[in-house]
């Protein structure tokens, strides 16, 4: 807490059965696009949902509703 990009912090990692203490410098991270503008954020989400919908349509292409409704076993989710 209270650390900013450029600060150095001590970290401890466990690698190959050995504990390693090391100093790391914190780096900056770009602010996600649209984070401060609701209209831009909504457009980004709409595009991402459209992309996922398109991929799902490709995956399920040719599958009928009846085929998709078949349960693997009684009471199991399909």
PDB file of N, CA and C in Angstrom:
ATOM      1  N   UNK A   1       0.831  -1.186   0.000  1.00  0.00           N
ATOM      2  CA  UNK A   1       0.000   0.000   0.000  1.00  0.00           C
ATOM      3  C   UNK A   1       0.871   1.244   0.000  1.00  0.00           C
ATOM      4  N   UNK A   2       0.367   2.257  -0.662  1.00  0.00           N
ATOM      5  CA  UNK A   2       1.091   3.508  -0.690  1.00  0.00           C
ATOM      6  C   UNK A   2       2.293   3.518  -1.617  1.00  0.00           C
ATOM      7  N   UNK A   3       2.424   2.506  -2.422  1.00  0.00           N
ATOM      8  CA  UNK A   3       3.548   2.436  -3.359  1.00  0.00           C
ATOM      9  C   UNK A   3       3.106   2.968  -4.717  1.00  0.00           C
ATOM     10  N   UNK A   4       4.042   3.522  -5.439  1.00  0.00           N
ATOM     11  CA  UNK A   4       3.757   4.049  -6.772  1.00  0.00           C
ATOM     12  C   UNK A   4       4.798   3.518  -7.751  1.00  0.00           C
ATOM     13  N   UNK A   5       4.499   3.686  -9.040  1.00  0.00           N
ATOM     14  CA  UNK A   5       5.439   3.252 -10.077  1.00  0.00           C
ATOM     15  C   UNK A   5       6.797   3.897  -9.833  1.00  0.00           C
ATOM     16  N   UNK A   6       7.830   3.083  -9.964  1.00  0.00           N
ATOM     17  CA  UNK A   6       9.189   3.554  -9.739  1.00  0.00           C
ATOM     18  C   UNK A   6       9.723   3.175  -8.364  1.00  0.00           C
ATOM     19  N   UNK A   7       8.816   2.926  -7.405  1.00  0.00           N
ATOM     20  CA  UNK A   7       9.252   2.496  -6.076  1.00  0.00           C
ATOM     21  C   UNK A   7       9.865   1.104  -6.162  1.00  0.00           C
ATOM     22  N   UNK A   8      10.768   0.836  -5.243  1.00  0.00           N
ATOM     23  CA  UNK A   8      11.377  -0.487  -5.172  1.00  0.00           C
ATOM     24  C   UNK A   8      10.795  -1.206  -3.956  1.00  0.00           C
ATOM     25  N   UNK A   9      10.430  -2.474  -4.146  1.00  0.00           N
ATOM     26  CA  UNK A   9       9.869  -3.280  -3.063  1.00  0.00           C
ATOM     27  C   UNK A   9      10.650  -4.582  -2.957  1.00  0.00           C
ATOM     28  N   UNK A  10      10.698  -5.107  -1.747  1.00  0.00           N
ATOM     29  CA  UNK A  10      11.344  -6.400  -1.527  1.00  0.00           C
ATOM     30  C   UNK A  10      10.296  -7.489  -1.668  1.00  0.00           C
ATOM     31  N   UNK A  11      10.624  -8.525  -2.414  1.00  0.00           N
ATOM     32  CA  UNK A  11       9.705  -9.646  -2.609  1.00  0.00           C
ATOM     33  C   UNK A  11      10.424 -10.944  -2.261  1.00  0.00           C
ATOM     34  N   UNK A  12       9.631 -11.926  -1.877  1.00  0.00           N
ATOM     35  CA  UNK A  12      10.169 -13.259  -1.587  1.00  0.00           C
ATOM     36  C   UNK A  12       9.402 -14.233  -2.461  1.00  0.00           C
ATOM     37  N   UNK A  13      10.144 -15.034  -3.234  1.00  0.00           N
ATOM     38  CA  UNK A  13       9.526 -16.029  -4.113  1.00  0.00           C
ATOM     39  C   UNK A  13      10.110 -17.396  -3.800  1.00  0.00           C
ATOM     40  N   UNK A  14       9.347 -18.409  -4.141  1.00  0.00           N
ATOM     41  CA  UNK A  14       9.765 -19.790  -3.949  1.00  0.00           C
ATOM     42  C   UNK A  14       9.935 -20.384  -5.327  1.00  0.00           C
ATOM     43  N   UNK A  15      11.173 -20.730  -5.693  1.00  0.00           N
ATOM     44  CA  UNK A  15      11.434 -21.256  -7.030  1.00  0.00           C
ATOM     45  C   UNK A  15      12.373 -22.452  -6.946  1.00  0.00           C
ATOM     46  N   UNK A  16      11.949 -23.544  -7.563  1.00  0.00           N
ATOM     47  CA  UNK A  16      12.758 -24.769  -7.596  1.00  0.00           C
ATOM     48  C   UNK A  16      13.210 -25.200  -6.198  1.00  0.00           C
ATOM     49  N   UNK A  17      12.306 -25.080  -5.233  1.00  0.00           N
ATOM     50  CA  UNK A  17      12.616 -25.523  -3.877  1.00  0.00           C
ATOM     51  C   UNK A  17      13.464 -24.559  -3.075  1.00  0.00           C
ATOM     52  N   UNK A  18      13.707 -23.380  -3.609  1.00  0.00           N
ATOM     53  CA  UNK A  18      14.556 -22.398  -2.938  1.00  0.00           C
ATOM     54  C   UNK A  18      13.789 -21.098  -2.736  1.00  0.00           C
ATOM     55  N   UNK A  19      13.966 -20.508  -1.557  1.00  0.00           N
ATOM     56  CA  UNK A  19      13.376 -19.194  -1.304  1.00  0.00           C
ATOM     57  C   UNK A  19      14.354 -18.136  -1.790  1.00  0.00           C
ATOM     58  N   UNK A  20      13.847 -17.203  -2.583  1.00  0.00           N
ATOM     59  CA  UNK A  20      14.688 -16.144  -3.145  1.00  0.00           C
ATOM     60  C   UNK A  20      14.124 -14.800  -2.699  1.00  0.00           C
ATOM     61  N   UNK A  21      14.958 -13.981  -2.070  1.00  0.00           N
ATOM     62  CA  UNK A  21      14.593 -12.613  -1.717  1.00  0.00           C
ATOM     63  C   UNK A  21      15.185 -11.698  -2.770  1.00  0.00           C
ATOM     64  N   UNK A  22      14.360 -10.797  -3.274  1.00  0.00           N
ATOM     65  CA  UNK A  22      14.803  -9.963  -4.381  1.00  0.00           C
ATOM     66  C   UNK A  22      14.121  -8.600  -4.301  1.00  0.00           C
ATOM     67  N   UNK A  23      14.782  -7.581  -4.809  1.00  0.00           N
ATOM     68  CA  UNK A  23      14.183  -6.253  -4.913  1.00  0.00           C
ATOM     69  C   UNK A  23      13.603  -6.104  -6.316  1.00  0.00           C
ATOM     70  N   UNK A  24      12.404  -5.548  -6.383  1.00  0.00           N
ATOM     71  CA  UNK A  24      11.752  -5.315  -7.677  1.00  0.00           C
ATOM     72  C   UNK A  24      11.313  -3.866  -7.759  1.00  0.00           C
ATOM     73  N   UNK A  25      11.411  -3.324  -8.964  1.00  0.00           N
ATOM     74  CA  UNK A  25      10.928  -1.968  -9.179  1.00  0.00           C
ATOM     75  C   UNK A  25       9.530  -2.044  -9.772  1.00  0.00           C
ATOM     76  N   UNK A  26       8.604  -1.294  -9.182  1.00  0.00           N
ATOM     77  CA  UNK A  26       7.239  -1.270  -9.685  1.00  0.00           C
ATOM     78  C   UNK A  26       7.186  -0.470 -10.978  1.00  0.00           C
ATOM     79  N   UNK A  27       6.437  -0.978 -11.939  1.00  0.00           N
ATOM     80  CA  UNK A  27       6.327  -0.290 -13.227  1.00  0.00           C
ATOM     81  C   UNK A  27       4.931   0.304 -13.375  1.00  0.00           C
ATOM     82  N   UNK A  28       4.776   1.123 -14.380  1.00  0.00           N
ATOM     83  CA  UNK A  28       3.474   1.738 -14.639  1.00  0.00           C
ATOM     84  C   UNK A  28       2.614   0.798 -15.465  1.00  0.00           C
ATOM     85  N   UNK A  29       1.340   1.068 -15.447  1.00  0.00           N
ATOM     86  CA  UNK A  29       0.390   0.306 -16.246  1.00  0.00           C
ATOM     87  C   UNK A  29      -0.506   1.300 -16.959  1.00  0.00           C
ATOM     88  N   UNK A  30      -0.765   1.020 -18.219  1.00  0.00           N
ATOM     89  CA  UNK A  30      -1.653   1.907 -18.958  1.00  0.00           C
ATOM     90  C   UNK A  30      -3.058   1.806 -18.412  1.00  0.00           C
ATOM     91  N   UNK A  31      -3.719   2.946 -18.340  1.00  0.00           N
ATOM     92  CA  UNK A  31      -5.119   2.953 -17.926  1.00  0.00           C
ATOM     93  C   UNK A  31      -5.944   2.356 -19.054  1.00  0.00           C
ATOM     94  N   UNK A  32      -6.834   1.423 -18.738  1.00  0.00           N
ATOM     95  CA  UNK A  32      -7.653   0.823 -19.800  1.00  0.00           C
ATOM     96  C   UNK A  32      -8.449   1.883 -20.556  1.00  0.00           C
ATOM     97  N   UNK A  33      -8.511   1.707 -21.859  1.00  0.00           N
ATOM     98  CA  UNK A  33      -9.234   2.647 -22.709  1.00  0.00           C
ATOM     99  C   UNK A  33     -10.696   2.706 -22.280  1.00  0.00           C
ATOM    100  N   UNK A  34     -11.235   3.904 -22.173  1.00  0.00           N
ATOM    101  CA  UNK A  34     -12.644   4.071 -21.874  1.00  0.00           C
ATOM    102  C   UNK A  34     -12.975   4.080 -20.400  1.00  0.00           C
ATOM    103  N   UNK A  35     -11.979   3.929 -19.552  1.00  0.00           N
ATOM    104  CA  UNK A  35     -12.241   3.841 -18.125  1.00  0.00           C
ATOM    105  C   UNK A  35     -12.900   5.109 -17.588  1.00  0.00           C
ATOM    106  N   UNK A  36     -12.552   6.237 -18.141  1.00  0.00           N
ATOM    107  CA  UNK A  36     -13.090   7.500 -17.635  1.00  0.00           C
ATOM    108  C   UNK A  36     -14.227   8.059 -18.489  1.00  0.00           C
ATOM    109  N   UNK A  37     -14.595   7.372 -19.552  1.00  0.00           N
ATOM    110  CA  UNK A  37     -15.666   7.854 -20.426  1.00  0.00           C
ATOM    111  C   UNK A  37     -16.681   6.733 -20.617  1.00  0.00           C
ATOM    112  N   UNK A  38     -17.858   6.892 -20.023  1.00  0.00           N
ATOM    113  CA  UNK A  38     -18.866   5.838 -20.043  1.00  0.00           C
ATOM    114  C   UNK A  38     -19.284   5.466 -21.460  1.00  0.00           C
ATOM    115  N   UNK A  39     -19.435   6.442 -22.342  1.00  0.00           N
ATOM    116  CA  UNK A  39     -19.848   6.142 -23.719  1.00  0.00           C
ATOM    117  C   UNK A  39     -18.817   5.259 -24.430  1.00  0.00           C
ATOM    118  N   UNK A  40     -17.542   5.560 -24.248  1.00  0.00           N
ATOM    119  CA  UNK A  40     -16.484   4.749 -24.860  1.00  0.00           C
ATOM    120  C   UNK A  40     -16.486   3.355 -24.241  1.00  0.00           C
ATOM    121  N   UNK A  41     -16.638   3.284 -22.918  1.00  0.00           N
ATOM    122  CA  UNK A  41     -16.662   1.999 -22.225  1.00  0.00           C
ATOM    123  C   UNK A  41     -17.805   1.126 -22.732  1.00  0.00           C
ATOM    124  N   UNK A  42     -18.973   1.712 -22.907  1.00  0.00           N
ATOM    125  CA  UNK A  42     -20.135   0.966 -23.412  1.00  0.00           C
ATOM    126  C   UNK A  42     -19.857   0.444 -24.816  1.00  0.00           C
ATOM    127  N   UNK A  43     -19.264   1.265 -25.674  1.00  0.00           N
ATOM    128  CA  UNK A  43     -18.955   0.827 -27.041  1.00  0.00           C
ATOM    129  C   UNK A  43     -17.952  -0.323 -27.043  1.00  0.00           C
ATOM    130  N   UNK A  44     -16.961  -0.247 -26.160  1.00  0.00           N
ATOM    131  CA  UNK A  44     -15.973  -1.326 -26.056  1.00  0.00           C
ATOM    132  C   UNK A  44     -16.666  -2.620 -25.641  1.00  0.00           C
ATOM    133  N   UNK A  45     -17.522  -2.554 -24.622  1.00  0.00           N
ATOM    134  CA  UNK A  45     -18.237  -3.750 -24.164  1.00  0.00           C
ATOM    135  C   UNK A  45     -19.160  -4.303 -25.236  1.00  0.00           C
ATOM    136  N   UNK A  46     -19.860  -3.424 -25.937  1.00  0.00           N
ATOM    137  CA  UNK A  46     -20.749  -3.886 -27.011  1.00  0.00           C
ATOM    138  C   UNK A  46     -19.965  -4.641 -28.076  1.00  0.00           C
ATOM    139  N   UNK A  47     -18.793  -4.136 -28.432  1.00  0.00           N
ATOM    140  CA  UNK A  47     -17.973  -4.802 -29.444  1.00  0.00           C
ATOM    141  C   UNK A  47     -17.473  -6.152 -28.940  1.00  0.00           C
ATOM    142  N   UNK A  48     -17.050  -6.194 -27.678  1.00  0.00           N
ATOM    143  CA  UNK A  48     -16.566  -7.463 -27.122  1.00  0.00           C
ATOM    144  C   UNK A  48     -17.687  -8.504 -27.080  1.00  0.00           C
ATOM    145  N   UNK A  49     -18.888  -8.099 -26.682  1.00  0.00           N
ATOM    146  CA  UNK A  49     -20.018  -9.030 -26.666  1.00  0.00           C
ATOM    147  C   UNK A  49     -20.369  -9.482 -28.077  1.00  0.00           C
ATOM    148  N   UNK A  50     -20.318  -8.575 -29.044  1.00  0.00           N
ATOM    149  CA  UNK A  50     -20.605  -8.941 -30.436  1.00  0.00           C
ATOM    150  C   UNK A  50     -19.581  -9.957 -30.938  1.00  0.00           C
ATOM    151  N   UNK A  51     -18.310  -9.763 -30.586  1.00  0.00           N
ATOM    152  CA  UNK A  51     -17.260 -10.709 -30.992  1.00  0.00           C
ATOM    153  C   UNK A  51     -17.501 -12.092 -30.392  1.00  0.00           C
ATOM    154  N   UNK A  52     -17.853 -12.134 -29.109  1.00  0.00           N
ATOM    155  CA  UNK A  52     -18.117 -13.414 -28.447  1.00  0.00           C
ATOM    156  C   UNK A  52     -19.346 -14.079 -29.059  1.00  0.00           C
ATOM    157  N   UNK A  53     -20.398 -13.303 -29.302  1.00  0.00           N
ATOM    158  CA  UNK A  53     -21.604 -13.859 -29.930  1.00  0.00           C
ATOM    159  C   UNK A  53     -21.283 -14.474 -31.286  1.00  0.00           C
ATOM    160  N   UNK A  54     -20.441 -13.802 -32.061  1.00  0.00           N
ATOM    161  CA  UNK A  54     -20.065 -14.316 -33.380  1.00  0.00           C
ATOM    162  C   UNK A  54     -19.287 -15.627 -33.247  1.00  0.00           C
ATOM    163  N   UNK A  55     -18.361 -15.680 -32.300  1.00  0.00           N
ATOM    164  CA  UNK A  55     -17.584 -16.907 -32.093  1.00  0.00           C
ATOM    165  C   UNK A  55     -18.483 -18.057 -31.646  1.00  0.00           C
ATOM    166  N   UNK A  56     -19.430 -17.767 -30.750  1.00  0.00           N
ATOM    167  CA  UNK A  56     -20.360 -18.809 -30.306  1.00  0.00           C
ATOM    168  C   UNK A  56     -21.232 -19.294 -31.457  1.00  0.00           C
ATOM    169  N   UNK A  57     -21.668 -18.379 -32.306  1.00  0.00           N
ATOM    170  CA  UNK A  57     -22.478 -18.764 -33.466  1.00  0.00           C
ATOM    171  C   UNK A  57     -21.688 -19.701 -34.375  1.00  0.00           C
ATOM    172  N   UNK A  58     -20.392 -19.429 -34.549  1.00  0.00           N
ATOM    173  CA  UNK A  58     -19.543 -20.302 -35.371  1.00  0.00           C
ATOM    174  C   UNK A  58     -19.382 -21.680 -34.723  1.00  0.00           C
ATOM    175  N   UNK A  59     -19.198 -21.689 -33.409  1.00  0.00           N
ATOM    176  CA  UNK A  59     -19.017 -22.959 -32.692  1.00  0.00           C
ATOM    177  C   UNK A  59     -20.260 -23.835 -32.813  1.00  0.00           C
ATOM    178  N   UNK A  60     -21.430 -23.225 -32.669  1.00  0.00           N
ATOM    179  CA  UNK A  60     -22.675 -23.988 -32.652  1.00  0.00           C
ATOM    180  C   UNK A  60     -23.371 -24.052 -34.007  1.00  0.00           C
ATOM    181  N   UNK A  61     -22.670 -23.636 -35.052  1.00  0.00           N
ATOM    182  CA  UNK A  61     -23.247 -23.669 -36.392  1.00  0.00           C
ATOM    183  C   UNK A  61     -23.648 -25.106 -36.744  1.00  0.00           C
ATOM    184  N   UNK A  62     -24.878 -25.275 -37.183  1.00  0.00           N
ATOM    185  CA  UNK A  62     -25.357 -26.590 -37.585  1.00  0.00           C
ATOM    186  C   UNK A  62     -25.963 -27.408 -36.454  1.00  0.00           C
ATOM    187  N   UNK A  63     -25.882 -26.917 -35.226  1.00  0.00           N
ATOM    188  CA  UNK A  63     -26.474 -27.619 -34.086  1.00  0.00           C
ATOM    189  C   UNK A  63     -27.914 -27.130 -33.929  1.00  0.00           C
ATOM    190  N   UNK A  64     -28.847 -28.069 -33.916  1.00  0.00           N
ATOM    191  CA  UNK A  64     -30.259 -27.697 -33.765  1.00  0.00           C
ATOM    192  C   UNK A  64     -30.582 -27.486 -32.286  1.00  0.00           C
ATOM    193  N   UNK A  65     -31.716 -26.831 -32.022  1.00  0.00           N
ATOM    194  CA  UNK A  65     -32.164 -26.647 -30.643  1.00  0.00           C
ATOM    195  C   UNK A  65     -32.388 -27.997 -29.965  1.00  0.00           C
ATOM    196  N   UNK A  66     -32.934 -28.954 -30.715  1.00  0.00           N
ATOM    197  CA  UNK A  66     -33.159 -30.288 -30.147  1.00  0.00           C
ATOM    198  C   UNK A  66     -31.838 -30.943 -29.745  1.00  0.00           C
ATOM    199  N   UNK A  67     -30.825 -30.818 -30.596  1.00  0.00           N
ATOM    200  CA  UNK A  67     -29.516 -31.392 -30.269  1.00  0.00           C
ATOM    201  C   UNK A  67     -28.905 -30.709 -29.043  1.00  0.00           C
ATOM    202  N   UNK A  68     -29.054 -29.402 -28.981  1.00  0.00           N
ATOM    203  CA  UNK A  68     -28.487 -28.647 -27.863  1.00  0.00           C
ATOM    204  C   UNK A  68     -29.221 -28.927 -26.559  1.00  0.00           C
ATOM    205  N   UNK A  69     -30.440 -29.427 -26.641  1.00  0.00           N
ATOM    206  CA  UNK A  69     -31.256 -29.674 -25.450  1.00  0.00           C
ATOM    207  C   UNK A  69     -31.073 -31.063 -24.860  1.00  0.00           C
ATOM    208  N   UNK A  70     -30.304 -31.921 -25.520  1.00  0.00           N
ATOM    209  CA  UNK A  70     -30.110 -33.284 -25.033  1.00  0.00           C
ATOM    210  C   UNK A  70     -29.311 -33.251 -23.730  1.00  0.00           C
ATOM    211  N   UNK A  71     -29.837 -33.929 -22.715  1.00  0.00           N
ATOM    212  CA  UNK A  71     -29.135 -34.021 -21.428  1.00  0.00           C
ATOM    213  C   UNK A  71     -28.211 -35.237 -21.455  1.00  0.00           C
ATOM    214  N   UNK A  72     -26.979 -35.095 -20.952  1.00  0.00           N
ATOM    215  CA  UNK A  72     -26.050 -36.220 -20.952  1.00  0.00           C
ATOM    216  C   UNK A  72     -26.543 -37.377 -20.079  1.00  0.00           C
ATOM    217  N   UNK A  73     -27.250 -37.041 -19.011  1.00  0.00           N
ATOM    218  CA  UNK A  73     -27.836 -38.056 -18.128  1.00  0.00           C
ATOM    219  C   UNK A  73     -28.981 -37.391 -17.370  1.00  0.00           C
ATOM    220  N   UNK A  74     -29.839 -38.176 -16.799  1.00  0.00           N
ATOM    221  CA  UNK A  74     -30.997 -37.659 -16.067  1.00  0.00           C
ATOM    222  C   UNK A  74     -30.555 -36.664 -14.990  1.00  0.00           C
ATOM    223  N   UNK A  75     -31.146 -35.486 -15.019  1.00  0.00           N
ATOM    224  CA  UNK A  75     -30.854 -34.471 -14.014  1.00  0.00           C
ATOM    225  C   UNK A  75     -29.553 -33.718 -14.214  1.00  0.00           C
ATOM    226  N   UNK A  76     -28.794 -34.044 -15.248  1.00  0.00           N
ATOM    227  CA  UNK A  76     -27.535 -33.333 -15.496  1.00  0.00           C
ATOM    228  C   UNK A  76     -27.761 -32.159 -16.431  1.00  0.00           C
ATOM    229  N   UNK A  77     -26.919 -31.182 -16.258  1.00  0.00           N
ATOM    230  CA  UNK A  77     -27.006 -29.975 -17.071  1.00  0.00           C
ATOM    231  C   UNK A  77     -26.402 -30.240 -18.440  1.00  0.00           C
ATOM    232  N   UNK A  78     -26.999 -29.659 -19.479  1.00  0.00           N
ATOM    233  CA  UNK A  78     -26.470 -29.879 -20.824  1.00  0.00           C
ATOM    234  C   UNK A  78     -25.829 -28.632 -21.373  1.00  0.00           C
TER     235      UNK A  78
END
